PDB file of N, CA and C in Angstrom:
ATOM      1  N   MET A   1       9.346  30.919  -2.631  1.00  0.00           N
ATOM      2  CA  MET A   1       8.995  29.926  -3.694  1.00  0.00           C
ATOM      3  C   MET A   1       7.542  29.219  -3.392  1.00  0.00           C
ATOM      4  N   SER A   2       6.679  29.213  -4.238  1.00  0.00           N
ATOM      5  CA  SER A   2       5.048  29.057  -4.324  1.00  0.00           C
ATOM      6  C   SER A   2       5.079  27.446  -4.363  1.00  0.00           C
ATOM      7  N   ARG A   3       3.950  26.775  -3.266  1.00  0.00           N
ATOM      8  CA  ARG A   3       3.602  25.371  -3.056  1.00  0.00           C
ATOM      9  C   ARG A   3       2.305  25.373  -3.753  1.00  0.00           C
ATOM     10  N   GLN A   4       2.120  24.002  -4.463  1.00  0.00           N
ATOM     11  CA  GLN A   4       0.730  24.212  -5.147  1.00  0.00           C
ATOM     12  C   GLN A   4       0.498  22.734  -4.294  1.00  0.00           C
ATOM     13  N   LYS A   5      -1.169  22.773  -3.597  1.00  0.00           N
ATOM     14  CA  LYS A   5      -1.458  21.783  -3.256  1.00  0.00           C
ATOM     15  C   LYS A   5      -2.175  21.089  -3.710  1.00  0.00           C
ATOM     16  N   VAL A   6      -2.774  19.945  -4.160  1.00  0.00           N
ATOM     17  CA  VAL A   6      -3.239  18.908  -4.657  1.00  0.00           C
ATOM     18  C   VAL A   6      -3.693  18.479  -3.796  1.00  0.00           C
ATOM     19  N   PRO A   7      -5.447  18.748  -3.846  1.00  0.00           N
ATOM     20  CA  PRO A   7      -6.856  18.138  -3.315  1.00  0.00           C
ATOM     21  C   PRO A   7      -6.678  16.990  -2.680  1.00  0.00           C
ATOM     22  N   GLU A   8      -6.254  15.983  -3.447  1.00  0.00           N
ATOM     23  CA  GLU A   8      -6.624  14.391  -3.574  1.00  0.00           C
ATOM     24  C   GLU A   8      -4.326  13.816  -3.195  1.00  0.00           C
ATOM     25  N   ASP A   9      -3.548  14.501  -2.498  1.00  0.00           N
ATOM     26  CA  ASP A   9      -2.565  13.962  -2.752  1.00  0.00           C
ATOM     27  C   ASP A   9      -2.394  13.122  -1.312  1.00  0.00           C
ATOM     28  N   TYR A  10      -3.512  12.878  -0.099  1.00  0.00           N
ATOM     29  CA  TYR A  10      -3.523  12.227   0.803  1.00  0.00           C
ATOM     30  C   TYR A  10      -5.191  11.641   1.419  1.00  0.00           C
ATOM     31  N   LYS A  11      -5.037  10.552   1.046  1.00  0.00           N
ATOM     32  CA  LYS A  11      -6.255   9.786   1.686  1.00  0.00           C
ATOM     33  C   LYS A  11      -6.118   8.567   2.700  1.00  0.00           C
ATOM     34  N   GLN A  12      -7.410   9.082   3.284  1.00  0.00           N
ATOM     35  CA  GLN A  12      -7.132   7.449   4.779  1.00  0.00           C
ATOM     36  C   GLN A  12      -8.213   7.153   5.168  1.00  0.00           C
ATOM     37  N   THR A  13      -8.369   5.554   4.770  1.00  0.00           N
ATOM     38  CA  THR A  13     -10.033   4.625   4.932  1.00  0.00           C
ATOM     39  C   THR A  13      -9.497   3.854   5.903  1.00  0.00           C
ATOM     40  N   GLN A  14     -10.577   3.287   6.423  1.00  0.00           N
ATOM     41  CA  GLN A  14     -10.660   2.087   7.600  1.00  0.00           C
ATOM     42  C   GLN A  14     -11.069   1.067   6.711  1.00  0.00           C
ATOM     43  N   ILE A  15     -10.814   0.169   6.990  1.00  0.00           N
ATOM     44  CA  ILE A  15     -11.062  -1.304   6.056  1.00  0.00           C
ATOM     45  C   ILE A  15     -12.027  -2.055   7.328  1.00  0.00           C
ATOM     46  N   ASN A  16     -13.235  -2.057   7.025  1.00  0.00           N
ATOM     47  CA  ASN A  16     -13.667  -3.601   7.817  1.00  0.00           C
ATOM     48  C   ASN A  16     -13.845  -4.926   6.760  1.00  0.00           C
ATOM     49  N   CYS A  17     -12.846  -5.474   7.529  1.00  0.00           N
ATOM     50  CA  CYS A  17     -13.068  -7.293   6.403  1.00  0.00           C
ATOM     51  C   CYS A  17     -14.187  -8.229   6.675  1.00  0.00           C
ATOM     52  N   ARG A  18     -14.325  -8.562   5.796  1.00  0.00           N
ATOM     53  CA  ARG A  18     -15.093  -9.443   6.572  1.00  0.00           C
ATOM     54  C   ARG A  18     -15.099 -10.624   7.887  1.00  0.00           C
ATOM     55  N   THR A  19     -13.565 -10.847   7.790  1.00  0.00           N
ATOM     56  CA  THR A  19     -13.562 -11.821   8.843  1.00  0.00           C
ATOM     57  C   THR A  19     -13.472 -10.603  10.225  1.00  0.00           C
ATOM     58  N   ASN A  20     -13.674  -9.722   9.939  1.00  0.00           N
ATOM     59  CA  ASN A  20     -14.079  -8.311  11.412  1.00  0.00           C
ATOM     60  C   ASN A  20     -12.933  -7.967  11.946  1.00  0.00           C
ATOM     61  N   ARG A  21     -11.919  -8.192  11.581  1.00  0.00           N
ATOM     62  CA  ARG A  21     -10.085  -7.603  11.366  1.00  0.00           C
ATOM     63  C   ARG A  21     -10.390  -6.174  10.604  1.00  0.00           C
ATOM     64  N   VAL A  22      -9.687  -5.425  11.265  1.00  0.00           N
ATOM     65  CA  VAL A  22     -10.062  -3.751  10.746  1.00  0.00           C
ATOM     66  C   VAL A  22      -8.199  -3.107  10.645  1.00  0.00           C
ATOM     67  N   PHE A  23      -8.518  -2.350   9.446  1.00  0.00           N
ATOM     68  CA  PHE A  23      -7.448  -1.993   9.426  1.00  0.00           C
ATOM     69  C   PHE A  23      -7.448  -0.036   8.904  1.00  0.00           C
ATOM     70  N   SER A  24      -6.529   0.047   8.857  1.00  0.00           N
ATOM     71  CA  SER A  24      -6.230   1.807   8.878  1.00  0.00           C
ATOM     72  C   SER A  24      -5.423   1.734   7.329  1.00  0.00           C
ATOM     73  N   ILE A  25      -5.698   2.169   6.244  1.00  0.00           N
ATOM     74  CA  ILE A  25      -5.057   2.758   4.987  1.00  0.00           C
ATOM     75  C   ILE A  25      -5.011   3.964   4.658  1.00  0.00           C
ATOM     76  N   ARG A  26      -3.733   4.340   4.977  1.00  0.00           N
ATOM     77  CA  ARG A  26      -3.308   5.686   4.347  1.00  0.00           C
ATOM     78  C   ARG A  26      -2.411   5.732   3.158  1.00  0.00           C
ATOM     79  N   PHE A  27      -3.107   6.937   2.030  1.00  0.00           N
ATOM     80  CA  PHE A  27      -2.339   6.844   0.544  1.00  0.00           C
ATOM     81  C   PHE A  27      -1.792   8.056   0.925  1.00  0.00           C
ATOM     82  N   LEU A  28      -1.117   8.306   0.458  1.00  0.00           N
ATOM     83  CA  LEU A  28       0.173   9.650   0.206  1.00  0.00           C
ATOM     84  C   LEU A  28       0.234   9.946  -1.773  1.00  0.00           C
ATOM     85  N   LYS A  29       0.099  10.074  -2.196  1.00  0.00           N
ATOM     86  CA  LYS A  29       0.217  10.784  -3.642  1.00  0.00           C
ATOM     87  C   LYS A  29       1.208  11.632  -3.829  1.00  0.00           C
ATOM     88  N   PHE A  30       2.457  11.170  -4.327  1.00  0.00           N
ATOM     89  CA  PHE A  30       3.786  12.766  -4.572  1.00  0.00           C
ATOM     90  C   PHE A  30       3.440  12.048  -6.462  1.00  0.00           C
ATOM     91  N   SER A  31       4.154  13.199  -7.273  1.00  0.00           N
ATOM     92  CA  SER A  31       3.969  13.212  -8.239  1.00  0.00           C
ATOM     93  C   SER A  31       4.883  12.222  -9.404  1.00  0.00           C
ATOM     94  N   ASN A  32       5.752  11.398  -8.850  1.00  0.00           N
ATOM     95  CA  ASN A  32       6.300  10.166  -9.160  1.00  0.00           C
ATOM     96  C   ASN A  32       6.176   9.235  -8.582  1.00  0.00           C
ATOM     97  N   GLY A  33       4.608   8.618  -7.618  1.00  0.00           N
ATOM     98  CA  GLY A  33       4.374   7.385  -6.678  1.00  0.00           C
ATOM     99  C   GLY A  33       3.257   7.995  -5.850  1.00  0.00           C
ATOM    100  N   CYS A  34       4.102   6.725  -4.941  1.00  0.00           N
ATOM    101  CA  CYS A  34       3.187   6.834  -3.513  1.00  0.00           C
ATOM    102  C   CYS A  34       3.750   6.412  -2.614  1.00  0.00           C
ATOM    103  N   PHE A  35       2.547   6.825  -1.338  1.00  0.00           N
ATOM    104  CA  PHE A  35       3.032   6.246  -0.549  1.00  0.00           C
ATOM    105  C   PHE A  35       2.046   5.038   0.592  1.00  0.00           C
ATOM    106  N   ILE A  36       1.829   4.057   0.899  1.00  0.00           N
ATOM    107  CA  ILE A  36       0.702   3.526   1.150  1.00  0.00           C
ATOM    108  C   ILE A  36       0.932   2.524   2.428  1.00  0.00           C
ATOM    109  N   SER A  37       0.274   2.916   3.683  1.00  0.00           N
ATOM    110  CA  SER A  37       0.538   2.297   4.804  1.00  0.00           C
ATOM    111  C   SER A  37      -0.641   1.690   6.053  1.00  0.00           C
ATOM    112  N   LEU A  38      -0.600   0.123   5.212  1.00  0.00           N
ATOM    113  CA  LEU A  38      -1.248  -0.067   6.172  1.00  0.00           C
ATOM    114  C   LEU A  38      -1.237  -0.751   7.291  1.00  0.00           C
ATOM    115  N   SER A  39      -2.381  -0.312   8.918  1.00  0.00           N
ATOM    116  CA  SER A  39      -1.925  -0.594   9.869  1.00  0.00           C
ATOM    117  C   SER A  39      -3.416  -1.249  10.527  1.00  0.00           C
ATOM    118  N   GLU A  40      -2.820  -2.335  11.396  1.00  0.00           N
ATOM    119  CA  GLU A  40      -4.181  -3.371  12.233  1.00  0.00           C
ATOM    120  C   GLU A  40      -3.894  -2.456  13.572  1.00  0.00           C
ATOM    121  N   GLU A  41      -4.413  -2.333  14.422  1.00  0.00           N
ATOM    122  CA  GLU A  41      -4.356  -1.573  15.843  1.00  0.00           C
ATOM    123  C   GLU A  41      -3.632  -0.082  15.472  1.00  0.00           C
ATOM    124  N   TYR A  42      -2.468  -0.214  15.677  1.00  0.00           N
ATOM    125  CA  TYR A  42      -1.574   0.794  16.130  1.00  0.00           C
ATOM    126  C   TYR A  42      -0.793   1.151  15.018  1.00  0.00           C
ATOM    127  N   GLN A  43      -0.732   2.513  14.594  1.00  0.00           N
ATOM    128  CA  GLN A  43      -0.099   3.058  13.638  1.00  0.00           C
ATOM    129  C   GLN A  43       1.156   2.939  14.219  1.00  0.00           C
ATOM    130  N   LYS A  44       2.209   1.602  12.961  1.00  0.00           N
ATOM    131  CA  LYS A  44       3.566   1.373  13.130  1.00  0.00           C
ATOM    132  C   LYS A  44       3.987   1.224  12.243  1.00  0.00           C
ATOM    133  N   ILE A  45       5.493   1.009  12.045  1.00  0.00           N
ATOM    134  CA  ILE A  45       6.043   0.635  10.680  1.00  0.00           C
ATOM    135  C   ILE A  45       6.503  -0.467  10.643  1.00  0.00           C
ATOM    136  N   GLY A  46       6.353  -1.441   9.364  1.00  0.00           N
ATOM    137  CA  GLY A  46       6.440  -2.796   9.954  1.00  0.00           C
ATOM    138  C   GLY A  46       7.256  -3.428   8.685  1.00  0.00           C
ATOM    139  N   SER A  47       6.640  -4.259   7.998  1.00  0.00           N
ATOM    140  CA  SER A  47       6.805  -4.732   6.736  1.00  0.00           C
ATOM    141  C   SER A  47       7.448  -3.532   5.518  1.00  0.00           C
ATOM    142  N   LEU A  48       8.328  -2.976   5.060  1.00  0.00           N
ATOM    143  CA  LEU A  48       8.629  -2.127   4.165  1.00  0.00           C
ATOM    144  C   LEU A  48       9.138  -3.008   2.351  1.00  0.00           C
ATOM    145  N   TYR A  49       8.204  -2.538   1.549  1.00  0.00           N
ATOM    146  CA  TYR A  49       8.481  -2.829   0.603  1.00  0.00           C
ATOM    147  C   TYR A  49       8.646  -1.926  -0.386  1.00  0.00           C
ATOM    148  N   VAL A  50       9.072  -1.796  -1.593  1.00  0.00           N
ATOM    149  CA  VAL A  50       9.230  -0.328  -2.435  1.00  0.00           C
ATOM    150  C   VAL A  50       9.784  -0.927  -4.405  1.00  0.00           C
ATOM    151  N   SER A  51       8.484  -0.785  -4.470  1.00  0.00           N
ATOM    152  CA  SER A  51       9.022  -1.118  -6.346  1.00  0.00           C
ATOM    153  C   SER A  51       8.697   0.678  -7.188  1.00  0.00           C
ATOM    154  N   SER A  52       9.349   0.042  -8.217  1.00  0.00           N
ATOM    155  CA  SER A  52       9.461   1.304  -9.394  1.00  0.00           C
ATOM    156  C   SER A  52       9.578   0.368 -10.355  1.00  0.00           C
ATOM    157  N   ALA A  53       8.029   1.073 -11.306  1.00  0.00           N
ATOM    158  CA  ALA A  53       8.193   1.134 -12.548  1.00  0.00           C
ATOM    159  C   ALA A  53       8.423   2.303 -13.818  1.00  0.00           C
ATOM    160  N   ILE A  54       9.182   1.707 -14.265  1.00  0.00           N
ATOM    161  CA  ILE A  54       9.750   2.405 -15.724  1.00  0.00           C
ATOM    162  C   ILE A  54       9.140   1.717 -16.722  1.00  0.00           C
ATOM    163  N   ALA A  55       8.412   2.251 -18.399  1.00  0.00           N
ATOM    164  CA  ALA A  55       8.108   1.258 -19.244  1.00  0.00           C
ATOM    165  C   ALA A  55       7.437  -0.023 -19.286  1.00  0.00           C
ATOM    166  N   ASN A  56       6.821  -0.365 -17.748  1.00  0.00           N
ATOM    167  CA  ASN A  56       6.136  -1.349 -17.873  1.00  0.00           C
ATOM    168  C   ASN A  56       6.888  -2.440 -17.494  1.00  0.00           C
ATOM    169  N   LYS A  57       8.087  -1.789 -17.022  1.00  0.00           N
ATOM    170  CA  LYS A  57       9.536  -3.243 -16.228  1.00  0.00           C
ATOM    171  C   LYS A  57       9.170  -2.813 -14.941  1.00  0.00           C
ATOM    172  N   VAL A  58       8.790  -3.525 -13.920  1.00  0.00           N
ATOM    173  CA  VAL A  58       9.166  -3.330 -12.346  1.00  0.00           C
ATOM    174  C   VAL A  58      10.057  -3.771 -11.702  1.00  0.00           C
ATOM    175  N   SER A  59      10.718  -3.028 -10.062  1.00  0.00           N
ATOM    176  CA  SER A  59      11.712  -3.651  -9.948  1.00  0.00           C
ATOM    177  C   SER A  59      11.532  -3.432  -8.437  1.00  0.00           C
ATOM    178  N   THR A  60      11.411  -4.491  -7.831  1.00  0.00           N
ATOM    179  CA  THR A  60      11.123  -4.743  -6.419  1.00  0.00           C
ATOM    180  C   THR A  60      12.434  -4.841  -5.291  1.00  0.00           C
ATOM    181  N   ALA A  61      12.146  -4.184  -4.007  1.00  0.00           N
ATOM    182  CA  ALA A  61      12.929  -4.265  -3.059  1.00  0.00           C
ATOM    183  C   ALA A  61      12.436  -4.316  -1.554  1.00  0.00           C
ATOM    184  N   LYS A  62      12.970  -5.621  -1.232  1.00  0.00           N
ATOM    185  CA  LYS A  62      11.845  -5.492   0.401  1.00  0.00           C
ATOM    186  C   LYS A  62      12.794  -5.236   1.197  1.00  0.00           C
ATOM    187  N   VAL A  63      12.499  -4.215   1.961  1.00  0.00           N
ATOM    188  CA  VAL A  63      13.484  -3.506   2.814  1.00  0.00           C
ATOM    189  C   VAL A  63      13.393  -4.351   4.077  1.00  0.00           C
ATOM    190  N   ILE A  64      11.836  -4.224   4.402  1.00  0.00           N
ATOM    191  CA  ILE A  64      11.751  -5.122   5.800  1.00  0.00           C
ATOM    192  C   ILE A  64      10.575  -5.728   5.491  1.00  0.00           C
ATOM    193  N   VAL A  65      10.954  -7.021   5.297  1.00  0.00           N
ATOM    194  CA  VAL A  65      10.403  -8.567   4.742  1.00  0.00           C
ATOM    195  C   VAL A  65       9.137  -9.046   5.745  1.00  0.00           C
ATOM    196  N   ASN A  66       8.147  -9.410   4.971  1.00  0.00           N
ATOM    197  CA  ASN A  66       7.249  -9.940   5.779  1.00  0.00           C
ATOM    198  C   ASN A  66       7.523 -11.249   5.699  1.00  0.00           C
ATOM    199  N   LYS A  67       7.591 -12.258   6.514  1.00  0.00           N
ATOM    200  CA  LYS A  67       7.257 -13.758   6.585  1.00  0.00           C
ATOM    201  C   LYS A  67       5.939 -14.251   6.163  1.00  0.00           C
ATOM    202  N   SER A  68       4.613 -13.330   6.485  1.00  0.00           N
ATOM    203  CA  SER A  68       3.470 -14.311   6.475  1.00  0.00           C
ATOM    204  C   SER A  68       2.541 -13.842   4.784  1.00  0.00           C
ATOM    205  N   ASN A  69       3.190 -12.785   4.547  1.00  0.00           N
ATOM    206  CA  ASN A  69       2.271 -12.056   3.861  1.00  0.00           C
ATOM    207  C   ASN A  69       3.368 -11.541   2.376  1.00  0.00           C
ATOM    208  N   SER A  70       4.568 -12.054   2.195  1.00  0.00           N
ATOM    209  CA  SER A  70       5.354 -11.676   0.996  1.00  0.00           C
ATOM    210  C   SER A  70       5.215 -11.489  -0.164  1.00  0.00           C
ATOM    211  N   ILE A  71       4.088 -12.033  -0.738  1.00  0.00           N
ATOM    212  CA  ILE A  71       3.692 -12.610  -2.122  1.00  0.00           C
ATOM    213  C   ILE A  71       2.511 -11.417  -2.307  1.00  0.00           C
ATOM    214  N   PHE A  72       2.186 -11.349  -1.567  1.00  0.00           N
ATOM    215  CA  PHE A  72       0.877 -10.354  -1.306  1.00  0.00           C
ATOM    216  C   PHE A  72       1.689  -9.230  -1.470  1.00  0.00           C
ATOM    217  N   LEU A  73       1.836  -8.512  -0.390  1.00  0.00           N
ATOM    218  CA  LEU A  73       2.841  -7.265  -0.650  1.00  0.00           C
ATOM    219  C   LEU A  73       4.014  -7.179  -1.608  1.00  0.00           C
ATOM    220  N   THR A  74       4.592  -8.385  -2.247  1.00  0.00           N
ATOM    221  CA  THR A  74       4.837  -8.234  -3.738  1.00  0.00           C
ATOM    222  C   THR A  74       3.939  -8.022  -4.933  1.00  0.00           C
ATOM    223  N   SER A  75       3.121  -8.156  -4.870  1.00  0.00           N
ATOM    224  CA  SER A  75       1.713  -8.428  -5.969  1.00  0.00           C
ATOM    225  C   SER A  75       1.734  -6.877  -5.633  1.00  0.00           C
ATOM    226  N   ILE A  76       0.917  -6.258  -4.564  1.00  0.00           N
ATOM    227  CA  ILE A  76       0.078  -4.680  -4.688  1.00  0.00           C
ATOM    228  C   ILE A  76       1.387  -3.929  -4.669  1.00  0.00           C
ATOM    229  N   THR A  77       3.009  -3.843  -4.282  1.00  0.00           N
ATOM    230  CA  THR A  77       3.695  -2.901  -4.468  1.00  0.00           C
ATOM    231  C   THR A  77       3.425  -3.004  -5.984  1.00  0.00           C
ATOM    232  N   GLU A  78       3.666  -4.588  -6.898  1.00  0.00           N
ATOM    233  CA  GLU A  78       4.286  -4.173  -8.207  1.00  0.00           C
ATOM    234  C   GLU A  78       2.917  -3.362  -8.799  1.00  0.00           C
ATOM    235  N   ARG A  79       1.587  -3.558  -8.250  1.00  0.00           N
ATOM    236  CA  ARG A  79       0.528  -3.513  -9.580  1.00  0.00           C
ATOM    237  C   ARG A  79       0.583  -2.197  -9.288  1.00  0.00           C
ATOM    238  N   VAL A  80       0.582  -1.589  -7.764  1.00  0.00           N
ATOM    239  CA  VAL A  80       0.440   0.229  -7.434  1.00  0.00           C
ATOM    240  C   VAL A  80       1.131   0.822  -8.321  1.00  0.00           C
ATOM    241  N   ALA A  81       2.815   0.093  -8.533  1.00  0.00           N
ATOM    242  CA  ALA A  81       3.728   0.886  -8.993  1.00  0.00           C
ATOM    243  C   ALA A  81       3.694   1.255 -10.496  1.00  0.00           C
ATOM    244  N   LEU A  82       3.302   0.282 -11.131  1.00  0.00           N
ATOM    245  CA  LEU A  82       2.215   0.456 -12.557  1.00  0.00           C
ATOM    246  C   LEU A  82       1.409   0.957 -12.722  1.00  0.00           C
ATOM    247  N   MET A  83       0.651   1.058 -12.033  1.00  0.00           N
ATOM    248  CA  MET A  83      -0.622   2.030 -12.074  1.00  0.00           C
ATOM    249  C   MET A  83      -0.262   3.668 -11.893  1.00  0.00           C
ATOM    250  N   VAL A  84       0.644   3.945 -10.829  1.00  0.00           N
ATOM    251  CA  VAL A  84       1.200   5.082 -10.894  1.00  0.00           C
ATOM    252  C   VAL A  84       1.779   5.158 -11.996  1.00  0.00           C
ATOM    253  N   ASN A  85       2.894   4.431 -12.390  1.00  0.00           N
ATOM    254  CA  ASN A  85       4.422   4.356 -13.253  1.00  0.00           C
ATOM    255  C   ASN A  85       5.005   5.517 -12.764  1.00  0.00           C
ATOM    256  N   GLY A  86       5.226   4.809 -11.370  1.00  0.00           N
ATOM    257  CA  GLY A  86       6.308   5.420 -10.716  1.00  0.00           C
ATOM    258  C   GLY A  86       6.723   4.826 -10.029  1.00  0.00           C
ATOM    259  N   PHE A  87       7.426   5.227  -8.195  1.00  0.00           N
ATOM    260  CA  PHE A  87       7.783   4.798  -7.499  1.00  0.00           C
ATOM    261  C   PHE A  87       6.294   3.858  -6.513  1.00  0.00           C
ATOM    262  N   ALA A  88       6.197   3.121  -5.599  1.00  0.00           N
ATOM    263  CA  ALA A  88       4.809   2.467  -4.827  1.00  0.00           C
ATOM    264  C   ALA A  88       6.347   2.032  -3.902  1.00  0.00           C
ATOM    265  N   ILE A  89       5.683   2.629  -2.184  1.00  0.00           N
ATOM    266  CA  ILE A  89       6.236   2.063  -0.733  1.00  0.00           C
ATOM    267  C   ILE A  89       4.932   1.717  -0.253  1.00  0.00           C
ATOM    268  N   VAL A  90       5.287   0.289   0.103  1.00  0.00           N
ATOM    269  CA  VAL A  90       4.129   0.175   1.150  1.00  0.00           C
ATOM    270  C   VAL A  90       4.490  -0.767   2.191  1.00  0.00           C
ATOM    271  N   ASN A  91       3.924  -0.057   2.990  1.00  0.00           N
ATOM    272  CA  ASN A  91       4.304  -0.589   4.978  1.00  0.00           C
ATOM    273  C   ASN A  91       2.632  -1.361   5.232  1.00  0.00           C
ATOM    274  N   LEU A  92       3.249  -2.472   5.967  1.00  0.00           N
ATOM    275  CA  LEU A  92       2.373  -3.117   6.504  1.00  0.00           C
ATOM    276  C   LEU A  92       2.441  -3.643   7.666  1.00  0.00           C
ATOM    277  N   SER A  93       1.617  -3.294   9.156  1.00  0.00           N
ATOM    278  CA  SER A  93       2.093  -3.529  10.352  1.00  0.00           C
ATOM    279  C   SER A  93       0.503  -4.405  10.191  1.00  0.00           C
ATOM    280  N   SER A  94       0.651  -5.683  10.853  1.00  0.00           N
ATOM    281  CA  SER A  94      -0.122  -6.062  11.139  1.00  0.00           C
ATOM    282  C   SER A  94       0.029  -7.233  12.581  1.00  0.00           C
ATOM    283  N   ASN A  95      -1.534  -8.185  12.965  1.00  0.00           N
ATOM    284  CA  ASN A  95      -1.514  -8.944  14.166  1.00  0.00           C
ATOM    285  C   ASN A  95      -0.983 -10.167  13.557  1.00  0.00           C
ATOM    286  N   GLY A  96      -1.000 -10.219  12.125  1.00  0.00           N
ATOM    287  CA  GLY A  96      -0.296 -11.661  11.823  1.00  0.00           C
ATOM    288  C   GLY A  96      -1.100 -12.259  10.495  1.00  0.00           C
ATOM    289  N   GLY A  97      -0.808 -13.171  10.204  1.00  0.00           N
ATOM    290  CA  GLY A  97      -1.530 -13.262   8.573  1.00  0.00           C
ATOM    291  C   GLY A  97      -2.240 -13.085   8.490  1.00  0.00           C
ATOM    292  N   LEU A  98      -2.539 -12.534   7.080  1.00  0.00           N
ATOM    293  CA  LEU A  98      -3.872 -12.340   6.317  1.00  0.00           C
ATOM    294  C   LEU A  98      -4.188 -13.044   5.152  1.00  0.00           C
ATOM    295  N   ASP A  99      -6.054 -13.654   5.686  1.00  0.00           N
ATOM    296  CA  ASP A  99      -6.317 -14.478   4.887  1.00  0.00           C
ATOM    297  C   ASP A  99      -6.905 -14.071   3.020  1.00  0.00           C
ATOM    298  N   ARG A 100      -7.503 -15.259   2.378  1.00  0.00           N
ATOM    299  CA  ARG A 100      -7.871 -15.111   1.083  1.00  0.00           C
ATOM    300  C   ARG A 100      -8.254 -13.392   0.876  1.00  0.00           C
ATOM    301  N   SER A 101      -9.560 -13.935   2.016  1.00  0.00           N
ATOM    302  CA  SER A 101     -10.955 -12.527   1.587  1.00  0.00           C
ATOM    303  C   SER A 101     -10.093 -11.266   2.271  1.00  0.00           C
ATOM    304  N   GLU A 102      -9.392 -11.350   3.757  1.00  0.00           N
ATOM    305  CA  GLU A 102      -8.584  -9.943   4.131  1.00  0.00           C
ATOM    306  C   GLU A 102      -8.088  -9.497   3.515  1.00  0.00           C
ATOM    307  N   MET A 103      -7.301 -10.229   1.995  1.00  0.00           N
ATOM    308  CA  MET A 103      -6.477 -10.295   1.047  1.00  0.00           C
ATOM    309  C   MET A 103      -7.117  -9.170   0.121  1.00  0.00           C
ATOM    310  N   GLU A 104      -8.284  -9.670  -0.406  1.00  0.00           N
ATOM    311  CA  GLU A 104      -9.109  -9.140  -1.283  1.00  0.00           C
ATOM    312  C   GLU A 104      -9.402  -7.730  -1.175  1.00  0.00           C
ATOM    313  N   ASP A 105      -9.790  -7.965   0.722  1.00  0.00           N
ATOM    314  CA  ASP A 105     -10.954  -6.274   1.115  1.00  0.00           C
ATOM    315  C   ASP A 105      -9.966  -5.316   1.082  1.00  0.00           C
ATOM    316  N   VAL A 106      -8.576  -5.799   1.549  1.00  0.00           N
ATOM    317  CA  VAL A 106      -7.590  -4.266   1.128  1.00  0.00           C
ATOM    318  C   VAL A 106      -7.395  -4.249  -0.334  1.00  0.00           C
ATOM    319  N   LEU A 107      -7.260  -5.527  -1.040  1.00  0.00           N
ATOM    320  CA  LEU A 107      -6.546  -4.839  -2.002  1.00  0.00           C
ATOM    321  C   LEU A 107      -7.770  -4.334  -3.138  1.00  0.00           C
ATOM    322  N   ASP A 108      -8.973  -4.647  -3.149  1.00  0.00           N
ATOM    323  CA  ASP A 108     -10.062  -3.290  -3.319  1.00  0.00           C
ATOM    324  C   ASP A 108      -9.768  -1.903  -2.458  1.00  0.00           C
ATOM    325  N   ALA A 109      -9.913  -2.349  -1.240  1.00  0.00           N
ATOM    326  CA  ALA A 109      -9.551  -0.683  -0.790  1.00  0.00           C
ATOM    327  C   ALA A 109      -8.315  -0.131  -1.215  1.00  0.00           C
ATOM    328  N   ILE A 110      -7.619  -0.336  -1.683  1.00  0.00           N
ATOM    329  CA  ILE A 110      -6.514   0.439  -1.925  1.00  0.00           C
ATOM    330  C   ILE A 110      -6.593   0.815  -3.524  1.00  0.00           C
ATOM    331  N   LEU A 111      -7.407   0.483  -4.042  1.00  0.00           N
ATOM    332  CA  LEU A 111      -7.230   0.560  -6.245  1.00  0.00           C
ATOM    333  C   LEU A 111      -8.427   1.495  -5.553  1.00  0.00           C
ATOM    334  N   LYS A 112      -9.416   1.385  -5.178  1.00  0.00           N
ATOM    335  CA  LYS A 112     -10.507   2.844  -4.742  1.00  0.00           C
ATOM    336  C   LYS A 112      -9.630   3.801  -4.138  1.00  0.00           C
ATOM    337  N   LEU A 113      -8.791   3.936  -3.481  1.00  0.00           N
ATOM    338  CA  LEU A 113      -7.689   5.414  -3.145  1.00  0.00           C
ATOM    339  C   LEU A 113      -7.282   5.718  -4.574  1.00  0.00           C
ATOM    340  N   ILE A 114      -6.784   4.929  -4.843  1.00  0.00           N
ATOM    341  CA  ILE A 114      -5.689   5.160  -6.382  1.00  0.00           C
ATOM    342  C   ILE A 114      -6.231   5.684  -7.583  1.00  0.00           C
ATOM    343  N   ASP A 115      -7.868   5.110  -7.801  1.00  0.00           N
ATOM    344  CA  ASP A 115      -8.266   5.949  -8.710  1.00  0.00           C
ATOM    345  C   ASP A 115      -8.681   7.015  -8.546  1.00  0.00           C
TER     346      ASP A 115
END
């Protein structure tokens, strides 16, 4: 069995938000989707959202619900699923809710990773 390695299948970056919060993003690409992990401080499993996009229709499941950033996580997961035309799994582990500027910083970083 031969394995092909795609050079851009895994990316990692750090976001220094305008509010001095720091997040680590890990992006893992698959042929039918991607996994994105956002963590503040420690790498751990937090909220987990899964979206699938087929023919421009998106379906989302909230596996582990985030009480403070639910709409933000839903929108990121659905947008990424549409961009990759497949599955998007997003994990968020943070010390509290994100404000608007932090959401913008995180979203910009994620979109740069996907391109």
